Amino acid sequence: MNGDIPFVVVALKTVTLAFGGFITYTAATAAKKTGWSGLAYLAVGFGTVTFGSLLAGVADQLLLLPTGSALIVENALTTVGFAIIGYSLYVTQRGPSSRA
């Protein structure tokens, strides 16, 4: 384990993963219930951001990659995730199972 990371950072990453997973699950469930494609993209976007945070932590703490490399991975996936979240705001079409 990388001893350079303070415990508070690990704790905050854990909380981030919990909230990110909750938001992803909630958005995916809402997309399924309503048929709104924008909510599906929202779930994918938050899932990507959350996965990036998880992957960076694993790369840094378990795979012992340099912290800078782990941060690049995390920031790249955060950027992609936010782009998908931004796109989700423009996609508001309902699917065939939607109710009026």
PDB file of N, CA and C in Angstrom:
ATOM      1  N   MET A   1       0.826  -1.189   0.000  1.00  0.00           N
ATOM      2  CA  MET A   1       0.000   0.000   0.000  1.00  0.00           C
ATOM      3  C   MET A   1       0.868   1.250   0.000  1.00  0.00           C
ATOM      4  N   ASN A   2       0.428   2.252  -0.699  1.00  0.00           N
ATOM      5  CA  ASN A   2       1.161   3.505  -0.777  1.00  0.00           C
ATOM      6  C   ASN A   2       0.980   4.264   0.535  1.00  0.00           C
ATOM      7  N   GLY A   3       2.045   4.482   1.282  1.00  0.00           N
ATOM      8  CA  GLY A   3       1.965   5.149   2.569  1.00  0.00           C
ATOM      9  C   GLY A   3       1.872   6.656   2.463  1.00  0.00           C
ATOM     10  N   ASP A   4       1.958   7.218   1.256  1.00  0.00           N
ATOM     11  CA  ASP A   4       1.919   8.658   1.084  1.00  0.00           C
ATOM     12  C   ASP A   4       0.504   9.236   1.133  1.00  0.00           C
ATOM     13  N   ILE A   5      -0.505   8.377   1.006  1.00  0.00           N
ATOM     14  CA  ILE A   5      -1.891   8.836   0.968  1.00  0.00           C
ATOM     15  C   ILE A   5      -2.441   8.900   2.390  1.00  0.00           C
ATOM     16  N   PRO A   6      -2.867  10.081   2.842  1.00  0.00           N
ATOM     17  CA  PRO A   6      -3.437  10.180   4.188  1.00  0.00           C
ATOM     18  C   PRO A   6      -4.741   9.379   4.300  1.00  0.00           C
ATOM     19  N   PHE A   7      -5.016   8.893   5.502  1.00  0.00           N
ATOM     20  CA  PHE A   7      -6.219   8.111   5.751  1.00  0.00           C
ATOM     21  C   PHE A   7      -7.479   8.877   5.352  1.00  0.00           C
ATOM     22  N   VAL A   8      -7.486  10.185   5.592  1.00  0.00           N
ATOM     23  CA  VAL A   8      -8.682  10.976   5.274  1.00  0.00           C
ATOM     24  C   VAL A   8      -8.993  10.924   3.772  1.00  0.00           C
ATOM     25  N   VAL A   9      -7.970  10.847   2.926  1.00  0.00           N
ATOM     26  CA  VAL A   9      -8.182  10.751   1.480  1.00  0.00           C
ATOM     27  C   VAL A   9      -8.826   9.412   1.141  1.00  0.00           C
ATOM     28  N   VAL A  10      -8.342   8.351   1.751  1.00  0.00           N
ATOM     29  CA  VAL A  10      -8.930   7.024   1.522  1.00  0.00           C
ATOM     30  C   VAL A  10     -10.386   7.007   1.996  1.00  0.00           C
ATOM     31  N   ALA A  11     -10.645   7.607   3.147  1.00  0.00           N
ATOM     32  CA  ALA A  11     -12.015   7.665   3.678  1.00  0.00           C
ATOM     33  C   ALA A  11     -12.931   8.462   2.741  1.00  0.00           C
ATOM     34  N   LEU A  12     -12.442   9.592   2.249  1.00  0.00           N
ATOM     35  CA  LEU A  12     -13.263  10.406   1.350  1.00  0.00           C
ATOM     36  C   LEU A  12     -13.499   9.697   0.021  1.00  0.00           C
ATOM     37  N   LYS A  13     -12.512   8.967  -0.479  1.00  0.00           N
ATOM     38  CA  LYS A  13     -12.692   8.190  -1.712  1.00  0.00           C
ATOM     39  C   LYS A  13     -13.760   7.113  -1.498  1.00  0.00           C
ATOM     40  N   THR A  14     -13.758   6.504  -0.337  1.00  0.00           N
ATOM     41  CA  THR A  14     -14.757   5.481  -0.030  1.00  0.00           C
ATOM     42  C   THR A  14     -16.160   6.085  -0.014  1.00  0.00           C
ATOM     43  N   VAL A  15     -16.299   7.253   0.579  1.00  0.00           N
ATOM     44  CA  VAL A  15     -17.597   7.940   0.594  1.00  0.00           C
ATOM     45  C   VAL A  15     -17.997   8.330  -0.828  1.00  0.00           C
ATOM     46  N   THR A  16     -17.028   8.788  -1.619  1.00  0.00           N
ATOM     47  CA  THR A  16     -17.296   9.132  -3.016  1.00  0.00           C
ATOM     48  C   THR A  16     -17.815   7.920  -3.783  1.00  0.00           C
ATOM     49  N   LEU A  17     -17.190   6.765  -3.581  1.00  0.00           N
ATOM     50  CA  LEU A  17     -17.638   5.542  -4.252  1.00  0.00           C
ATOM     51  C   LEU A  17     -19.048   5.153  -3.816  1.00  0.00           C
ATOM     52  N   ALA A  18     -19.341   5.299  -2.536  1.00  0.00           N
ATOM     53  CA  ALA A  18     -20.679   4.953  -2.039  1.00  0.00           C
ATOM     54  C   ALA A  18     -21.739   5.872  -2.652  1.00  0.00           C
ATOM     55  N   PHE A  19     -21.501   7.170  -2.610  1.00  0.00           N
ATOM     56  CA  PHE A  19     -22.464   8.108  -3.187  1.00  0.00           C
ATOM     57  C   PHE A  19     -22.559   7.968  -4.701  1.00  0.00           C
ATOM     58  N   GLY A  20     -21.414   7.793  -5.355  1.00  0.00           N
ATOM     59  CA  GLY A  20     -21.416   7.608  -6.807  1.00  0.00           C
ATOM     60  C   GLY A  20     -22.179   6.366  -7.217  1.00  0.00           C
ATOM     61  N   GLY A  21     -21.986   5.284  -6.474  1.00  0.00           N
ATOM     62  CA  GLY A  21     -22.737   4.058  -6.745  1.00  0.00           C
ATOM     63  C   GLY A  21     -24.223   4.246  -6.521  1.00  0.00           C
ATOM     64  N   PHE A  22     -24.585   4.959  -5.463  1.00  0.00           N
ATOM     65  CA  PHE A  22     -25.997   5.229  -5.178  1.00  0.00           C
ATOM     66  C   PHE A  22     -26.639   6.070  -6.276  1.00  0.00           C
ATOM     67  N   ILE A  23     -25.960   7.119  -6.702  1.00  0.00           N
ATOM     68  CA  ILE A  23     -26.495   7.981  -7.760  1.00  0.00           C
ATOM     69  C   ILE A  23     -26.621   7.206  -9.067  1.00  0.00           C
ATOM     70  N   THR A  24     -25.609   6.403  -9.384  1.00  0.00           N
ATOM     71  CA  THR A  24     -25.652   5.595 -10.604  1.00  0.00           C
ATOM     72  C   THR A  24     -26.835   4.631 -10.565  1.00  0.00           C
ATOM     73  N   TYR A  25     -27.005   3.935  -9.455  1.00  0.00           N
ATOM     74  CA  TYR A  25     -28.107   2.980  -9.306  1.00  0.00           C
ATOM     75  C   TYR A  25     -29.461   3.690  -9.394  1.00  0.00           C
ATOM     76  N   THR A  26     -29.588   4.808  -8.706  1.00  0.00           N
ATOM     77  CA  THR A  26     -30.855   5.541  -8.704  1.00  0.00           C
ATOM     78  C   THR A  26     -31.200   6.052 -10.099  1.00  0.00           C
ATOM     79  N   ALA A  27     -30.226   6.593 -10.808  1.00  0.00           N
ATOM     80  CA  ALA A  27     -30.471   7.084 -12.166  1.00  0.00           C
ATOM     81  C   ALA A  27     -30.822   5.939 -13.113  1.00  0.00           C
ATOM     82  N   ALA A  28     -30.151   4.808 -12.974  1.00  0.00           N
ATOM     83  CA  ALA A  28     -30.442   3.658 -13.829  1.00  0.00           C
ATOM     84  C   ALA A  28     -31.842   3.125 -13.548  1.00  0.00           C
ATOM     85  N   THR A  29     -32.214   3.060 -12.283  1.00  0.00           N
ATOM     86  CA  THR A  29     -33.560   2.605 -11.917  1.00  0.00           C
ATOM     87  C   THR A  29     -34.617   3.561 -12.458  1.00  0.00           C
ATOM     88  N   ALA A  30     -34.377   4.849 -12.330  1.00  0.00           N
ATOM     89  CA  ALA A  30     -35.328   5.844 -12.834  1.00  0.00           C
ATOM     90  C   ALA A  30     -35.433   5.761 -14.358  1.00  0.00           C
ATOM     91  N   ALA A  31     -34.314   5.531 -15.033  1.00  0.00           N
ATOM     92  CA  ALA A  31     -34.336   5.408 -16.491  1.00  0.00           C
ATOM     93  C   ALA A  31     -35.166   4.208 -16.912  1.00  0.00           C
ATOM     94  N   LYS A  32     -35.010   3.131 -16.182  1.00  0.00           N
ATOM     95  CA  LYS A  32     -35.759   1.908 -16.501  1.00  0.00           C
ATOM     96  C   LYS A  32     -37.262   2.114 -16.283  1.00  0.00           C
ATOM     97  N   LYS A  33     -37.627   2.796 -15.199  1.00  0.00           N
ATOM     98  CA  LYS A  33     -39.033   3.014 -14.879  1.00  0.00           C
ATOM     99  C   LYS A  33     -39.695   3.996 -15.828  1.00  0.00           C
ATOM    100  N   THR A  34     -38.985   5.054 -16.192  1.00  0.00           N
ATOM    101  CA  THR A  34     -39.602   6.125 -16.979  1.00  0.00           C
ATOM    102  C   THR A  34     -39.369   5.991 -18.468  1.00  0.00           C
ATOM    103  N   GLY A  35     -38.312   5.291 -18.852  1.00  0.00           N
ATOM    104  CA  GLY A  35     -37.978   5.186 -20.261  1.00  0.00           C
ATOM    105  C   GLY A  35     -37.266   6.417 -20.808  1.00  0.00           C
ATOM    106  N   TRP A  36     -36.854   7.318 -19.951  1.00  0.00           N
ATOM    107  CA  TRP A  36     -36.158   8.531 -20.389  1.00  0.00           C
ATOM    108  C   TRP A  36     -34.700   8.193 -20.680  1.00  0.00           C
ATOM    109  N   SER A  37     -34.295   8.401 -21.919  1.00  0.00           N
ATOM    110  CA  SER A  37     -32.914   8.075 -22.299  1.00  0.00           C
ATOM    111  C   SER A  37     -31.905   8.990 -21.611  1.00  0.00           C
ATOM    112  N   GLY A  38     -32.301  10.200 -21.307  1.00  0.00           N
ATOM    113  CA  GLY A  38     -31.406  11.127 -20.613  1.00  0.00           C
ATOM    114  C   GLY A  38     -30.977  10.589 -19.262  1.00  0.00           C
ATOM    115  N   LEU A  39     -31.878   9.913 -18.574  1.00  0.00           N
ATOM    116  CA  LEU A  39     -31.533   9.333 -17.282  1.00  0.00           C
ATOM    117  C   LEU A  39     -30.570   8.157 -17.444  1.00  0.00           C
ATOM    118  N   ALA A  40     -30.715   7.427 -18.541  1.00  0.00           N
ATOM    119  CA  ALA A  40     -29.783   6.330 -18.802  1.00  0.00           C
ATOM    120  C   ALA A  40     -28.376   6.890 -19.032  1.00  0.00           C
ATOM    121  N   TYR A  41     -28.269   7.960 -19.822  1.00  0.00           N
ATOM    122  CA  TYR A  41     -26.962   8.590 -20.036  1.00  0.00           C
ATOM    123  C   TYR A  41     -26.412   9.163 -18.722  1.00  0.00           C
ATOM    124  N   LEU A  42     -27.291   9.700 -17.903  1.00  0.00           N
ATOM    125  CA  LEU A  42     -26.869  10.222 -16.605  1.00  0.00           C
ATOM    126  C   LEU A  42     -26.262   9.105 -15.762  1.00  0.00           C
ATOM    127  N   ALA A  43     -26.905   7.942 -15.755  1.00  0.00           N
ATOM    128  CA  ALA A  43     -26.386   6.794 -15.002  1.00  0.00           C
ATOM    129  C   ALA A  43     -25.022   6.367 -15.543  1.00  0.00           C
ATOM    130  N   VAL A  44     -24.890   6.319 -16.856  1.00  0.00           N
ATOM    131  CA  VAL A  44     -23.607   5.937 -17.456  1.00  0.00           C
ATOM    132  C   VAL A  44     -22.530   6.964 -17.104  1.00  0.00           C
ATOM    133  N   GLY A  45     -22.871   8.237 -17.140  1.00  0.00           N
ATOM    134  CA  GLY A  45     -21.907   9.291 -16.813  1.00  0.00           C
ATOM    135  C   GLY A  45     -21.430   9.197 -15.378  1.00  0.00           C
ATOM    136  N   PHE A  46     -22.364   9.067 -14.439  1.00  0.00           N
ATOM    137  CA  PHE A  46     -21.962   8.948 -13.036  1.00  0.00           C
ATOM    138  C   PHE A  46     -21.230   7.637 -12.787  1.00  0.00           C
ATOM    139  N   GLY A  47     -21.632   6.591 -13.485  1.00  0.00           N
ATOM    140  CA  GLY A  47     -20.915   5.320 -13.365  1.00  0.00           C
ATOM    141  C   GLY A  47     -19.480   5.442 -13.840  1.00  0.00           C
ATOM    142  N   THR A  48     -19.268   6.189 -14.905  1.00  0.00           N
ATOM    143  CA  THR A  48     -17.918   6.391 -15.438  1.00  0.00           C
ATOM    144  C   THR A  48     -17.050   7.182 -14.460  1.00  0.00           C
ATOM    145  N   VAL A  49     -17.617   8.240 -13.888  1.00  0.00           N
ATOM    146  CA  VAL A  49     -16.880   9.043 -12.906  1.00  0.00           C
ATOM    147  C   VAL A  49     -16.536   8.189 -11.681  1.00  0.00           C
ATOM    148  N   THR A  50     -17.508   7.425 -11.213  1.00  0.00           N
ATOM    149  CA  THR A  50     -17.306   6.580 -10.037  1.00  0.00           C
ATOM    150  C   THR A  50     -16.280   5.486 -10.320  1.00  0.00           C
ATOM    151  N   PHE A  51     -16.384   4.866 -11.496  1.00  0.00           N
ATOM    152  CA  PHE A  51     -15.427   3.827 -11.872  1.00  0.00           C
ATOM    153  C   PHE A  51     -14.016   4.412 -11.973  1.00  0.00           C
ATOM    154  N   GLY A  52     -13.896   5.626 -12.482  1.00  0.00           N
ATOM    155  CA  GLY A  52     -12.586   6.278 -12.568  1.00  0.00           C
ATOM    156  C   GLY A  52     -11.963   6.467 -11.197  1.00  0.00           C
ATOM    157  N   SER A  53     -12.785   6.847 -10.235  1.00  0.00           N
ATOM    158  CA  SER A  53     -12.294   7.017  -8.872  1.00  0.00           C
ATOM    159  C   SER A  53     -11.842   5.679  -8.290  1.00  0.00           C
ATOM    160  N   LEU A  54     -12.633   4.647  -8.522  1.00  0.00           N
ATOM    161  CA  LEU A  54     -12.275   3.312  -8.040  1.00  0.00           C
ATOM    162  C   LEU A  54     -10.996   2.816  -8.707  1.00  0.00           C
ATOM    163  N   LEU A  55     -10.935   2.953 -10.023  1.00  0.00           N
ATOM    164  CA  LEU A  55      -9.777   2.469 -10.767  1.00  0.00           C
ATOM    165  C   LEU A  55      -8.492   3.184 -10.341  1.00  0.00           C
ATOM    166  N   ALA A  56      -8.577   4.481 -10.115  1.00  0.00           N
ATOM    167  CA  ALA A  56      -7.398   5.235  -9.676  1.00  0.00           C
ATOM    168  C   ALA A  56      -6.929   4.758  -8.306  1.00  0.00           C
ATOM    169  N   GLY A  57      -7.868   4.513  -7.415  1.00  0.00           N
ATOM    170  CA  GLY A  57      -7.503   4.016  -6.086  1.00  0.00           C
ATOM    171  C   GLY A  57      -6.852   2.650  -6.148  1.00  0.00           C
ATOM    172  N   VAL A  58      -7.418   1.765  -6.965  1.00  0.00           N
ATOM    173  CA  VAL A  58      -6.845   0.425  -7.121  1.00  0.00           C
ATOM    174  C   VAL A  58      -5.454   0.517  -7.745  1.00  0.00           C
ATOM    175  N   ALA A  59      -5.322   1.340  -8.772  1.00  0.00           N
ATOM    176  CA  ALA A  59      -4.030   1.483  -9.445  1.00  0.00           C
ATOM    177  C   ALA A  59      -2.970   2.020  -8.490  1.00  0.00           C
ATOM    178  N   ASP A  60      -3.355   2.976  -7.667  1.00  0.00           N
ATOM    179  CA  ASP A  60      -2.400   3.614  -6.762  1.00  0.00           C
ATOM    180  C   ASP A  60      -2.086   2.727  -5.552  1.00  0.00           C
ATOM    181  N   GLN A  61      -3.117   2.167  -4.937  1.00  0.00           N
ATOM    182  CA  GLN A  61      -2.932   1.444  -3.681  1.00  0.00           C
ATOM    183  C   GLN A  61      -2.567  -0.028  -3.859  1.00  0.00           C
ATOM    184  N   LEU A  62      -3.156  -0.689  -4.839  1.00  0.00           N
ATOM    185  CA  LEU A  62      -2.929  -2.130  -4.989  1.00  0.00           C
ATOM    186  C   LEU A  62      -1.918  -2.468  -6.079  1.00  0.00           C
ATOM    187  N   LEU A  63      -1.993  -1.772  -7.201  1.00  0.00           N
ATOM    188  CA  LEU A  63      -1.071  -2.063  -8.300  1.00  0.00           C
ATOM    189  C   LEU A  63       0.228  -1.279  -8.189  1.00  0.00           C
ATOM    190  N   LEU A  64       0.254  -0.354  -7.231  1.00  0.00           N
ATOM    191  CA  LEU A  64       1.439   0.460  -6.937  1.00  0.00           C
ATOM    192  C   LEU A  64       1.938   1.256  -8.134  1.00  0.00           C
ATOM    193  N   LEU A  65       1.007   1.701  -8.986  1.00  0.00           N
ATOM    194  CA  LEU A  65       1.367   2.617 -10.050  1.00  0.00           C
ATOM    195  C   LEU A  65       1.721   3.960  -9.425  1.00  0.00           C
ATOM    196  N   PRO A  66       2.517   4.742 -10.088  1.00  0.00           N
ATOM    197  CA  PRO A  66       2.822   6.072  -9.547  1.00  0.00           C
ATOM    198  C   PRO A  66       1.528   6.885  -9.361  1.00  0.00           C
ATOM    199  N   THR A  67       1.498   7.680  -8.318  1.00  0.00           N
ATOM    200  CA  THR A  67       0.309   8.469  -8.009  1.00  0.00           C
ATOM    201  C   THR A  67      -0.079   9.363  -9.182  1.00  0.00           C
ATOM    202  N   GLY A  68       0.903   9.920  -9.867  1.00  0.00           N
ATOM    203  CA  GLY A  68       0.617  10.777 -11.024  1.00  0.00           C
ATOM    204  C   GLY A  68      -0.121  10.026 -12.121  1.00  0.00           C
ATOM    205  N   SER A  69       0.266   8.787 -12.372  1.00  0.00           N
ATOM    206  CA  SER A  69      -0.410   7.979 -13.394  1.00  0.00           C
ATOM    207  C   SER A  69      -1.839   7.667 -12.982  1.00  0.00           C
ATOM    208  N   ALA A  70      -2.023   7.344 -11.706  1.00  0.00           N
ATOM    209  CA  ALA A  70      -3.372   7.069 -11.205  1.00  0.00           C
ATOM    210  C   ALA A  70      -4.259   8.305 -11.328  1.00  0.00           C
ATOM    211  N   LEU A  71      -3.688   9.475 -11.062  1.00  0.00           N
ATOM    212  CA  LEU A  71      -4.456  10.720 -11.194  1.00  0.00           C
ATOM    213  C   LEU A  71      -4.831  11.006 -12.643  1.00  0.00           C
ATOM    214  N   ILE A  72      -3.956  10.672 -13.571  1.00  0.00           N
ATOM    215  CA  ILE A  72      -4.264  10.864 -14.994  1.00  0.00           C
ATOM    216  C   ILE A  72      -5.434   9.980 -15.393  1.00  0.00           C
ATOM    217  N   VAL A  73      -5.410   8.726 -14.958  1.00  0.00           N
ATOM    218  CA  VAL A  73      -6.517   7.803 -15.253  1.00  0.00           C
ATOM    219  C   VAL A  73      -7.820   8.343 -14.666  1.00  0.00           C
ATOM    220  N   GLU A  74      -7.775   8.751 -13.407  1.00  0.00           N
ATOM    221  CA  GLU A  74      -8.979   9.258 -12.746  1.00  0.00           C
ATOM    222  C   GLU A  74      -9.521  10.503 -13.449  1.00  0.00           C
ATOM    223  N   ASN A  75      -8.644  11.435 -13.768  1.00  0.00           N
ATOM    224  CA  ASN A  75      -9.101  12.669 -14.398  1.00  0.00           C
ATOM    225  C   ASN A  75      -9.607  12.447 -15.813  1.00  0.00           C
ATOM    226  N   ALA A  76      -9.005  11.509 -16.527  1.00  0.00           N
ATOM    227  CA  ALA A  76      -9.494  11.197 -17.876  1.00  0.00           C
ATOM    228  C   ALA A  76     -10.907  10.621 -17.811  1.00  0.00           C
ATOM    229  N   LEU A  77     -11.134   9.681 -16.892  1.00  0.00           N
ATOM    230  CA  LEU A  77     -12.471   9.091 -16.775  1.00  0.00           C
ATOM    231  C   LEU A  77     -13.477  10.090 -16.203  1.00  0.00           C
ATOM    232  N   THR A  78     -13.032  10.976 -15.334  1.00  0.00           N
ATOM    233  CA  THR A  78     -13.920  12.023 -14.825  1.00  0.00           C
ATOM    234  C   THR A  78     -14.346  12.947 -15.960  1.00  0.00           C
ATOM    235  N   THR A  79     -13.414  13.301 -16.823  1.00  0.00           N
ATOM    236  CA  THR A  79     -13.729  14.155 -17.973  1.00  0.00           C
ATOM    237  C   THR A  79     -14.738  13.486 -18.896  1.00  0.00           C
ATOM    238  N   VAL A  80     -14.509  12.220 -19.210  1.00  0.00           N
ATOM    239  CA  VAL A  80     -15.439  11.477 -20.068  1.00  0.00           C
ATOM    240  C   VAL A  80     -16.805  11.379 -19.391  1.00  0.00           C
ATOM    241  N   GLY A  81     -16.811  11.069 -18.094  1.00  0.00           N
ATOM    242  CA  GLY A  81     -18.071  10.959 -17.358  1.00  0.00           C
ATOM    243  C   GLY A  81     -18.854  12.259 -17.352  1.00  0.00           C
ATOM    244  N   PHE A  82     -18.169  13.359 -17.122  1.00  0.00           N
ATOM    245  CA  PHE A  82     -18.853  14.652 -17.121  1.00  0.00           C
ATOM    246  C   PHE A  82     -19.358  15.018 -18.512  1.00  0.00           C
ATOM    247  N   ALA A  83     -18.639  14.633 -19.540  1.00  0.00           N
ATOM    248  CA  ALA A  83     -19.132  14.866 -20.906  1.00  0.00           C
ATOM    249  C   ALA A  83     -20.434  14.092 -21.137  1.00  0.00           C
ATOM    250  N   ILE A  84     -20.480  12.855 -20.655  1.00  0.00           N
ATOM    251  CA  ILE A  84     -21.699  12.054 -20.790  1.00  0.00           C
ATOM    252  C   ILE A  84     -22.827  12.652 -19.957  1.00  0.00           C
ATOM    253  N   ILE A  85     -22.523  13.116 -18.759  1.00  0.00           N
ATOM    254  CA  ILE A  85     -23.541  13.765 -17.915  1.00  0.00           C
ATOM    255  C   ILE A  85     -24.065  15.019 -18.613  1.00  0.00           C
ATOM    256  N   GLY A  86     -23.158  15.809 -19.186  1.00  0.00           N
ATOM    257  CA  GLY A  86     -23.592  16.997 -19.928  1.00  0.00           C
ATOM    258  C   GLY A  86     -24.492  16.633 -21.093  1.00  0.00           C
ATOM    259  N   TYR A  87     -24.128  15.584 -21.817  1.00  0.00           N
ATOM    260  CA  TYR A  87     -24.963  15.121 -22.933  1.00  0.00           C
ATOM    261  C   TYR A  87     -26.327  14.673 -22.439  1.00  0.00           C
ATOM    262  N   SER A  88     -26.364  14.066 -21.267  1.00  0.00           N
ATOM    263  CA  SER A  88     -27.641  13.571 -20.731  1.00  0.00           C
ATOM    264  C   SER A  88     -28.639  14.699 -20.513  1.00  0.00           C
ATOM    265  N   LEU A  89     -28.143  15.903 -20.308  1.00  0.00           N
ATOM    266  CA  LEU A  89     -29.036  17.046 -20.100  1.00  0.00           C
ATOM    267  C   LEU A  89     -29.758  17.458 -21.378  1.00  0.00           C
ATOM    268  N   TYR A  90     -29.192  17.082 -22.522  1.00  0.00           N
ATOM    269  CA  TYR A  90     -29.798  17.426 -23.798  1.00  0.00           C
ATOM    270  C   TYR A  90     -30.673  16.319 -24.355  1.00  0.00           C
ATOM    271  N   VAL A  91     -30.549  15.124 -23.847  1.00  0.00           N
ATOM    272  CA  VAL A  91     -31.304  13.983 -24.346  1.00  0.00           C
ATOM    273  C   VAL A  91     -32.508  13.786 -23.432  1.00  0.00           C
ATOM    274  N   THR A  92     -33.669  14.094 -23.933  1.00  0.00           N
ATOM    275  CA  THR A  92     -34.864  13.997 -23.081  1.00  0.00           C
ATOM    276  C   THR A  92     -35.978  13.206 -23.745  1.00  0.00           C
ATOM    277  N   GLN A  93     -35.637  12.346 -24.665  1.00  0.00           N
ATOM    278  CA  GLN A  93     -36.667  11.564 -25.338  1.00  0.00           C
ATOM    279  C   GLN A  93     -37.089  10.394 -24.473  1.00  0.00           C
ATOM    280  N   ARG A  94     -38.372  10.123 -24.506  1.00  0.00           N
ATOM    281  CA  ARG A  94     -38.900   8.991 -23.759  1.00  0.00           C
ATOM    282  C   ARG A  94     -38.851   7.740 -24.607  1.00  0.00           C
ATOM    283  N   GLY A  95     -38.666   6.633 -23.918  1.00  0.00           N
ATOM    284  CA  GLY A  95     -38.682   5.351 -24.619  1.00  0.00           C
ATOM    285  C   GLY A  95     -40.110   4.862 -24.819  1.00  0.00           C
ATOM    286  N   PRO A  96     -40.297   3.711 -25.452  1.00  0.00           N
ATOM    287  CA  PRO A  96     -41.615   3.187 -25.742  1.00  0.00           C
ATOM    288  C   PRO A  96     -42.421   2.822 -24.492  1.00  0.00           C
ATOM    289  N   SER A  97     -41.752   2.585 -23.368  1.00  0.00           N
ATOM    290  CA  SER A  97     -42.486   2.178 -22.173  1.00  0.00           C
ATOM    291  C   SER A  97     -42.869   3.354 -21.283  1.00  0.00           C
ATOM    292  N   SER A  98     -42.681   4.587 -21.762  1.00  0.00           N
ATOM    293  CA  SER A  98     -42.947   5.755 -20.925  1.00  0.00           C
ATOM    294  C   SER A  98     -44.445   6.026 -20.807  1.00  0.00           C
ATOM    295  N   ARG A  99     -44.756   6.672 -19.697  1.00  0.00           N
ATOM    296  CA  ARG A  99     -46.145   7.065 -19.448  1.00  0.00           C
ATOM    297  C   ARG A  99     -46.257   8.568 -19.616  1.00  0.00           C
ATOM    298  N   ALA A 100     -47.373   9.027 -20.115  1.00  0.00           N
ATOM    299  CA  ALA A 100     -47.568  10.474 -20.333  1.00  0.00           C
ATOM    300  C   ALA A 100     -47.939  11.191 -19.082  1.00  0.00           C
TER     301      ALA A 100
END
